[in-house]
Amino acid sequence: MHPGKIIILIGLMTALAGAALLWAPWLLSWFGHLPGDIRIDRDGFSFRFPVVSMLLASIVLTVLMNLFMRR
């Protein structure tokens, strides 16, 4: 696939994710709240590290990229 097409595809996917966050935030409300995601809330301090959510997103994106980038 031509590099220009890849950049356009990445831009479109980013725009779709932004639109989903803006107009349908419930679609991604699970992100960061899965079992295994690290959340520490204390007085004046908050730390979030979505380990499992990022792992799941990585697996899904890897499968999608392999399906669409096959020759």
PDB file of N, CA and C in Angstrom:
ATOM      1  N   MET A   1       0.846  -1.178   0.000  1.00  0.00           N
ATOM      2  CA  MET A   1       0.000   0.000   0.000  1.00  0.00           C
ATOM      3  C   MET A   1       0.889   1.237   0.000  1.00  0.00           C
ATOM      4  N   HIS A   2       0.503   2.214  -0.737  1.00  0.00           N
ATOM      5  CA  HIS A   2       1.260   3.457  -0.879  1.00  0.00           C
ATOM      6  C   HIS A   2       1.266   4.219   0.455  1.00  0.00           C
ATOM      7  N   PRO A   3       2.409   4.819   0.844  1.00  0.00           N
ATOM      8  CA  PRO A   3       2.488   5.539   2.122  1.00  0.00           C
ATOM      9  C   PRO A   3       1.454   6.654   2.265  1.00  0.00           C
ATOM     10  N   GLY A   4       1.119   7.317   1.185  1.00  0.00           N
ATOM     11  CA  GLY A   4       0.106   8.365   1.242  1.00  0.00           C
ATOM     12  C   GLY A   4      -1.260   7.815   1.627  1.00  0.00           C
ATOM     13  N   LYS A   5      -1.596   6.640   1.115  1.00  0.00           N
ATOM     14  CA  LYS A   5      -2.872   6.012   1.450  1.00  0.00           C
ATOM     15  C   LYS A   5      -2.903   5.607   2.926  1.00  0.00           C
ATOM     16  N   ILE A   6      -1.778   5.158   3.441  1.00  0.00           N
ATOM     17  CA  ILE A   6      -1.706   4.778   4.858  1.00  0.00           C
ATOM     18  C   ILE A   6      -1.923   5.995   5.741  1.00  0.00           C
ATOM     19  N   ILE A   7      -1.331   7.116   5.391  1.00  0.00           N
ATOM     20  CA  ILE A   7      -1.498   8.342   6.183  1.00  0.00           C
ATOM     21  C   ILE A   7      -2.949   8.810   6.144  1.00  0.00           C
ATOM     22  N   ILE A   8      -3.582   8.730   4.976  1.00  0.00           N
ATOM     23  CA  ILE A   8      -4.990   9.106   4.869  1.00  0.00           C
ATOM     24  C   ILE A   8      -5.853   8.167   5.707  1.00  0.00           C
ATOM     25  N   LEU A   9      -5.572   6.874   5.684  1.00  0.00           N
ATOM     26  CA  LEU A   9      -6.317   5.899   6.471  1.00  0.00           C
ATOM     27  C   LEU A   9      -6.174   6.173   7.964  1.00  0.00           C
ATOM     28  N   ILE A  10      -4.965   6.474   8.412  1.00  0.00           N
ATOM     29  CA  ILE A  10      -4.740   6.800   9.821  1.00  0.00           C
ATOM     30  C   ILE A  10      -5.505   8.066  10.206  1.00  0.00           C
ATOM     31  N   GLY A  11      -5.511   9.058   9.328  1.00  0.00           N
ATOM     32  CA  GLY A  11      -6.253  10.288   9.588  1.00  0.00           C
ATOM     33  C   GLY A  11      -7.747  10.053   9.692  1.00  0.00           C
ATOM     34  N   LEU A  12      -8.282   9.219   8.810  1.00  0.00           N
ATOM     35  CA  LEU A  12      -9.709   8.910   8.857  1.00  0.00           C
ATOM     36  C   LEU A  12     -10.076   8.148  10.127  1.00  0.00           C
ATOM     37  N   MET A  13      -9.235   7.207  10.532  1.00  0.00           N
ATOM     38  CA  MET A  13      -9.497   6.461  11.759  1.00  0.00           C
ATOM     39  C   MET A  13      -9.431   7.373  12.980  1.00  0.00           C
ATOM     40  N   THR A  14      -8.498   8.313  12.982  1.00  0.00           N
ATOM     41  CA  THR A  14      -8.401   9.273  14.082  1.00  0.00           C
ATOM     42  C   THR A  14      -9.634  10.175  14.124  1.00  0.00           C
ATOM     43  N   ALA A  15     -10.094  10.619  12.966  1.00  0.00           N
ATOM     44  CA  ALA A  15     -11.291  11.455  12.902  1.00  0.00           C
ATOM     45  C   ALA A  15     -12.523  10.690  13.382  1.00  0.00           C
ATOM     46  N   LEU A  16     -12.643   9.426  13.011  1.00  0.00           N
ATOM     47  CA  LEU A  16     -13.772   8.616  13.469  1.00  0.00           C
ATOM     48  C   LEU A  16     -13.731   8.401  14.971  1.00  0.00           C
ATOM     49  N   ALA A  17     -12.545   8.153  15.521  1.00  0.00           N
ATOM     50  CA  ALA A  17     -12.423   7.989  16.972  1.00  0.00           C
ATOM     51  C   ALA A  17     -12.773   9.287  17.690  1.00  0.00           C
ATOM     52  N   GLY A  18     -12.351  10.421  17.144  1.00  0.00           N
ATOM     53  CA  GLY A  18     -12.695  11.711  17.725  1.00  0.00           C
ATOM     54  C   GLY A  18     -14.181  11.988  17.678  1.00  0.00           C
ATOM     55  N   ALA A  19     -14.819  11.647  16.563  1.00  0.00           N
ATOM     56  CA  ALA A  19     -16.266  11.834  16.441  1.00  0.00           C
ATOM     57  C   ALA A  19     -17.004  10.937  17.428  1.00  0.00           C
ATOM     58  N   ALA A  20     -16.517   9.712  17.615  1.00  0.00           N
ATOM     59  CA  ALA A  20     -17.145   8.812  18.580  1.00  0.00           C
ATOM     60  C   ALA A  20     -17.017   9.358  19.993  1.00  0.00           C
ATOM     61  N   LEU A  21     -15.876   9.913  20.325  1.00  0.00           N
ATOM     62  CA  LEU A  21     -15.695  10.496  21.658  1.00  0.00           C
ATOM     63  C   LEU A  21     -16.569  11.730  21.857  1.00  0.00           C
ATOM     64  N   LEU A  22     -16.788  12.490  20.800  1.00  0.00           N
ATOM     65  CA  LEU A  22     -17.563  13.722  20.900  1.00  0.00           C
ATOM     66  C   LEU A  22     -19.063  13.455  20.945  1.00  0.00           C
ATOM     67  N   TRP A  23     -19.573  12.619  20.039  1.00  0.00           N
ATOM     68  CA  TRP A  23     -21.006  12.443  19.907  1.00  0.00           C
ATOM     69  C   TRP A  23     -21.550  11.155  20.520  1.00  0.00           C
ATOM     70  N   ALA A  24     -20.722  10.178  20.766  1.00  0.00           N
ATOM     71  CA  ALA A  24     -21.186   8.916  21.351  1.00  0.00           C
ATOM     72  C   ALA A  24     -20.154   8.412  22.364  1.00  0.00           C
ATOM     73  N   PRO A  25     -19.968   9.150  23.468  1.00  0.00           N
ATOM     74  CA  PRO A  25     -18.914   8.770  24.420  1.00  0.00           C
ATOM     75  C   PRO A  25     -19.157   7.422  25.097  1.00  0.00           C
ATOM     76  N   TRP A  26     -20.403   6.937  25.111  1.00  0.00           N
ATOM     77  CA  TRP A  26     -20.682   5.651  25.729  1.00  0.00           C
ATOM     78  C   TRP A  26     -20.079   4.484  24.954  1.00  0.00           C
ATOM     79  N   LEU A  27     -19.717   4.694  23.688  1.00  0.00           N
ATOM     80  CA  LEU A  27     -19.096   3.622  22.908  1.00  0.00           C
ATOM     81  C   LEU A  27     -17.725   3.239  23.451  1.00  0.00           C
ATOM     82  N   LEU A  28     -17.032   4.199  24.024  1.00  0.00           N
ATOM     83  CA  LEU A  28     -15.692   3.937  24.556  1.00  0.00           C
ATOM     84  C   LEU A  28     -15.626   4.108  26.074  1.00  0.00           C
ATOM     85  N   SER A  29     -16.763   4.037  26.751  1.00  0.00           N
ATOM     86  CA  SER A  29     -16.769   4.235  28.202  1.00  0.00           C
ATOM     87  C   SER A  29     -16.112   3.072  28.939  1.00  0.00           C
ATOM     88  N   TRP A  30     -15.975   1.919  28.302  1.00  0.00           N
ATOM     89  CA  TRP A  30     -15.332   0.763  28.924  1.00  0.00           C
ATOM     90  C   TRP A  30     -13.821   0.929  29.015  1.00  0.00           C
ATOM     91  N   PHE A  31     -13.270   1.793  28.155  1.00  0.00           N
ATOM     92  CA  PHE A  31     -11.811   1.923  28.081  1.00  0.00           C
ATOM     93  C   PHE A  31     -11.250   2.498  29.387  1.00  0.00           C
ATOM     94  N   GLY A  32     -10.354   1.753  30.014  1.00  0.00           N
ATOM     95  CA  GLY A  32      -9.760   2.175  31.271  1.00  0.00           C
ATOM     96  C   GLY A  32     -10.470   1.640  32.496  1.00  0.00           C
ATOM     97  N   HIS A  33     -11.555   0.886  32.274  1.00  0.00           N
ATOM     98  CA  HIS A  33     -12.333   0.362  33.393  1.00  0.00           C
ATOM     99  C   HIS A  33     -12.394  -1.161  33.390  1.00  0.00           C
ATOM    100  N   LEU A  34     -11.535  -1.809  32.643  1.00  0.00           N
ATOM    101  CA  LEU A  34     -11.518  -3.266  32.611  1.00  0.00           C
ATOM    102  C   LEU A  34     -10.767  -3.817  33.820  1.00  0.00           C
ATOM    103  N   PRO A  35     -11.073  -5.060  34.218  1.00  0.00           N
ATOM    104  CA  PRO A  35     -10.293  -5.667  35.296  1.00  0.00           C
ATOM    105  C   PRO A  35      -8.827  -5.780  34.865  1.00  0.00           C
ATOM    106  N   GLY A  36      -7.940  -5.340  35.702  1.00  0.00           N
ATOM    107  CA  GLY A  36      -6.519  -5.351  35.375  1.00  0.00           C
ATOM    108  C   GLY A  36      -5.970  -3.971  35.068  1.00  0.00           C
ATOM    109  N   ASP A  37      -6.848  -3.012  34.805  1.00  0.00           N
ATOM    110  CA  ASP A  37      -6.411  -1.629  34.612  1.00  0.00           C
ATOM    111  C   ASP A  37      -6.073  -1.028  35.976  1.00  0.00           C
ATOM    112  N   ILE A  38      -4.964  -0.337  36.043  1.00  0.00           N
ATOM    113  CA  ILE A  38      -4.484   0.205  37.316  1.00  0.00           C
ATOM    114  C   ILE A  38      -5.080   1.593  37.529  1.00  0.00           C
ATOM    115  N   ARG A  39      -5.751   1.765  38.674  1.00  0.00           N
ATOM    116  CA  ARG A  39      -6.330   3.061  39.053  1.00  0.00           C
ATOM    117  C   ARG A  39      -6.013   3.310  40.519  1.00  0.00           C
ATOM    118  N   ILE A  40      -5.327   4.388  40.797  1.00  0.00           N
ATOM    119  CA  ILE A  40      -5.000   4.776  42.163  1.00  0.00           C
ATOM    120  C   ILE A  40      -5.548   6.177  42.391  1.00  0.00           C
ATOM    121  N   ASP A  41      -6.485   6.313  43.323  1.00  0.00           N
ATOM    122  CA  ASP A  41      -7.074   7.602  43.668  1.00  0.00           C
ATOM    123  C   ASP A  41      -6.825   7.875  45.143  1.00  0.00           C
ATOM    124  N   ARG A  42      -6.123   8.950  45.416  1.00  0.00           N
ATOM    125  CA  ARG A  42      -5.866   9.379  46.788  1.00  0.00           C
ATOM    126  C   ARG A  42      -6.117  10.871  46.874  1.00  0.00           C
ATOM    127  N   ASP A  43      -6.047  11.417  48.072  1.00  0.00           N
ATOM    128  CA  ASP A  43      -6.268  12.851  48.260  1.00  0.00           C
ATOM    129  C   ASP A  43      -5.245  13.654  47.466  1.00  0.00           C
ATOM    130  N   GLY A  44      -5.701  14.420  46.518  1.00  0.00           N
ATOM    131  CA  GLY A  44      -4.840  15.280  45.714  1.00  0.00           C
ATOM    132  C   GLY A  44      -3.980  14.533  44.704  1.00  0.00           C
ATOM    133  N   PHE A  45      -4.251  13.245  44.488  1.00  0.00           N
ATOM    134  CA  PHE A  45      -3.432  12.456  43.567  1.00  0.00           C
ATOM    135  C   PHE A  45      -4.306  11.437  42.854  1.00  0.00           C
ATOM    136  N   SER A  46      -4.132  11.332  41.559  1.00  0.00           N
ATOM    137  CA  SER A  46      -4.854  10.350  40.769  1.00  0.00           C
ATOM    138  C   SER A  46      -3.904   9.779  39.723  1.00  0.00           C
ATOM    139  N   PHE A  47      -3.869   8.443  39.605  1.00  0.00           N
ATOM    140  CA  PHE A  47      -2.995   7.775  38.645  1.00  0.00           C
ATOM    141  C   PHE A  47      -3.799   6.695  37.943  1.00  0.00           C
ATOM    142  N   ARG A  48      -3.758   6.703  36.625  1.00  0.00           N
ATOM    143  CA  ARG A  48      -4.459   5.692  35.842  1.00  0.00           C
ATOM    144  C   ARG A  48      -3.503   5.123  34.793  1.00  0.00           C
ATOM    145  N   PHE A  49      -3.476   3.794  34.713  1.00  0.00           N
ATOM    146  CA  PHE A  49      -2.646   3.107  33.723  1.00  0.00           C
ATOM    147  C   PHE A  49      -3.468   1.948  33.159  1.00  0.00           C
ATOM    148  N   PRO A  50      -4.108   2.138  31.986  1.00  0.00           N
ATOM    149  CA  PRO A  50      -5.014   1.127  31.423  1.00  0.00           C
ATOM    150  C   PRO A  50      -4.273  -0.021  30.728  1.00  0.00           C
ATOM    151  N   VAL A  51      -3.656  -0.885  31.512  1.00  0.00           N
ATOM    152  CA  VAL A  51      -2.840  -1.975  30.969  1.00  0.00           C
ATOM    153  C   VAL A  51      -3.675  -2.909  30.096  1.00  0.00           C
ATOM    154  N   VAL A  52      -4.737  -3.447  30.650  1.00  0.00           N
ATOM    155  CA  VAL A  52      -5.548  -4.431  29.926  1.00  0.00           C
ATOM    156  C   VAL A  52      -6.275  -3.788  28.750  1.00  0.00           C
ATOM    157  N   SER A  53      -6.758  -2.562  28.934  1.00  0.00           N
ATOM    158  CA  SER A  53      -7.442  -1.871  27.836  1.00  0.00           C
ATOM    159  C   SER A  53      -6.491  -1.656  26.663  1.00  0.00           C
ATOM    160  N   MET A  54      -5.269  -1.247  26.942  1.00  0.00           N
ATOM    161  CA  MET A  54      -4.292  -1.033  25.865  1.00  0.00           C
ATOM    162  C   MET A  54      -3.897  -2.354  25.208  1.00  0.00           C
ATOM    163  N   LEU A  55      -3.797  -3.417  25.993  1.00  0.00           N
ATOM    164  CA  LEU A  55      -3.477  -4.732  25.431  1.00  0.00           C
ATOM    165  C   LEU A  55      -4.594  -5.189  24.492  1.00  0.00           C
ATOM    166  N   LEU A  56      -5.834  -5.016  24.917  1.00  0.00           N
ATOM    167  CA  LEU A  56      -6.967  -5.385  24.077  1.00  0.00           C
ATOM    168  C   LEU A  56      -7.015  -4.538  22.805  1.00  0.00           C
ATOM    169  N   ALA A  57      -6.790  -3.240  22.931  1.00  0.00           N
ATOM    170  CA  ALA A  57      -6.773  -2.361  21.753  1.00  0.00           C
ATOM    171  C   ALA A  57      -5.656  -2.759  20.800  1.00  0.00           C
ATOM    172  N   SER A  58      -4.505  -3.119  21.333  1.00  0.00           N
ATOM    173  CA  SER A  58      -3.383  -3.543  20.497  1.00  0.00           C
ATOM    174  C   SER A  58      -3.709  -4.818  19.723  1.00  0.00           C
ATOM    175  N   ILE A  59      -4.338  -5.768  20.402  1.00  0.00           N
ATOM    176  CA  ILE A  59      -4.703  -7.021  19.733  1.00  0.00           C
ATOM    177  C   ILE A  59      -5.717  -6.768  18.620  1.00  0.00           C
ATOM    178  N   VAL A  60      -6.740  -5.966  18.909  1.00  0.00           N
ATOM    179  CA  VAL A  60      -7.768  -5.674  17.907  1.00  0.00           C
ATOM    180  C   VAL A  60      -7.167  -4.945  16.708  1.00  0.00           C
ATOM    181  N   LEU A  61      -6.331  -3.933  16.966  1.00  0.00           N
ATOM    182  CA  LEU A  61      -5.716  -3.196  15.864  1.00  0.00           C
ATOM    183  C   LEU A  61      -4.760  -4.060  15.053  1.00  0.00           C
ATOM    184  N   THR A  62      -4.037  -4.964  15.712  1.00  0.00           N
ATOM    185  CA  THR A  62      -3.138  -5.870  15.001  1.00  0.00           C
ATOM    186  C   THR A  62      -3.918  -6.788  14.071  1.00  0.00           C
ATOM    187  N   VAL A  63      -5.022  -7.336  14.555  1.00  0.00           N
ATOM    188  CA  VAL A  63      -5.847  -8.211  13.721  1.00  0.00           C
ATOM    189  C   VAL A  63      -6.422  -7.434  12.538  1.00  0.00           C
ATOM    190  N   LEU A  64      -6.944  -6.226  12.797  1.00  0.00           N
ATOM    191  CA  LEU A  64      -7.501  -5.415  11.709  1.00  0.00           C
ATOM    192  C   LEU A  64      -6.443  -5.038  10.675  1.00  0.00           C
ATOM    193  N   MET A  65      -5.275  -4.641  11.139  1.00  0.00           N
ATOM    194  CA  MET A  65      -4.201  -4.281  10.198  1.00  0.00           C
ATOM    195  C   MET A  65      -3.785  -5.490   9.365  1.00  0.00           C
ATOM    196  N   ASN A  66      -3.717  -6.673   9.981  1.00  0.00           N
ATOM    197  CA  ASN A  66      -3.348  -7.868   9.224  1.00  0.00           C
ATOM    198  C   ASN A  66      -4.416  -8.237   8.203  1.00  0.00           C
ATOM    199  N   LEU A  67      -5.670  -7.990   8.523  1.00  0.00           N
ATOM    200  CA  LEU A  67      -6.735  -8.300   7.579  1.00  0.00           C
ATOM    201  C   LEU A  67      -6.737  -7.344   6.384  1.00  0.00           C
ATOM    202  N   PHE A  68      -6.504  -6.043   6.651  1.00  0.00           N
ATOM    203  CA  PHE A  68      -6.581  -5.059   5.586  1.00  0.00           C
ATOM    204  C   PHE A  68      -5.278  -4.871   4.822  1.00  0.00           C
ATOM    205  N   MET A  69      -4.155  -5.226   5.392  1.00  0.00           N
ATOM    206  CA  MET A  69      -2.870  -5.005   4.735  1.00  0.00           C
ATOM    207  C   MET A  69      -2.337  -6.231   4.009  1.00  0.00           C
ATOM    208  N   ARG A  70      -3.104  -7.292   3.953  1.00  0.00           N
ATOM    209  CA  ARG A  70      -2.656  -8.489   3.242  1.00  0.00           C
ATOM    210  C   ARG A  70      -2.560  -8.203   1.758  1.00  0.00           C
ATOM    211  N   ARG A  71      -1.611  -8.853   1.121  1.00  0.00           N
ATOM    212  CA  ARG A  71      -1.445  -8.668  -0.333  1.00  0.00           C
ATOM    213  C   ARG A  71      -1.955  -9.852  -1.080  1.00  0.00           C
TER     214      ARG A  71
END
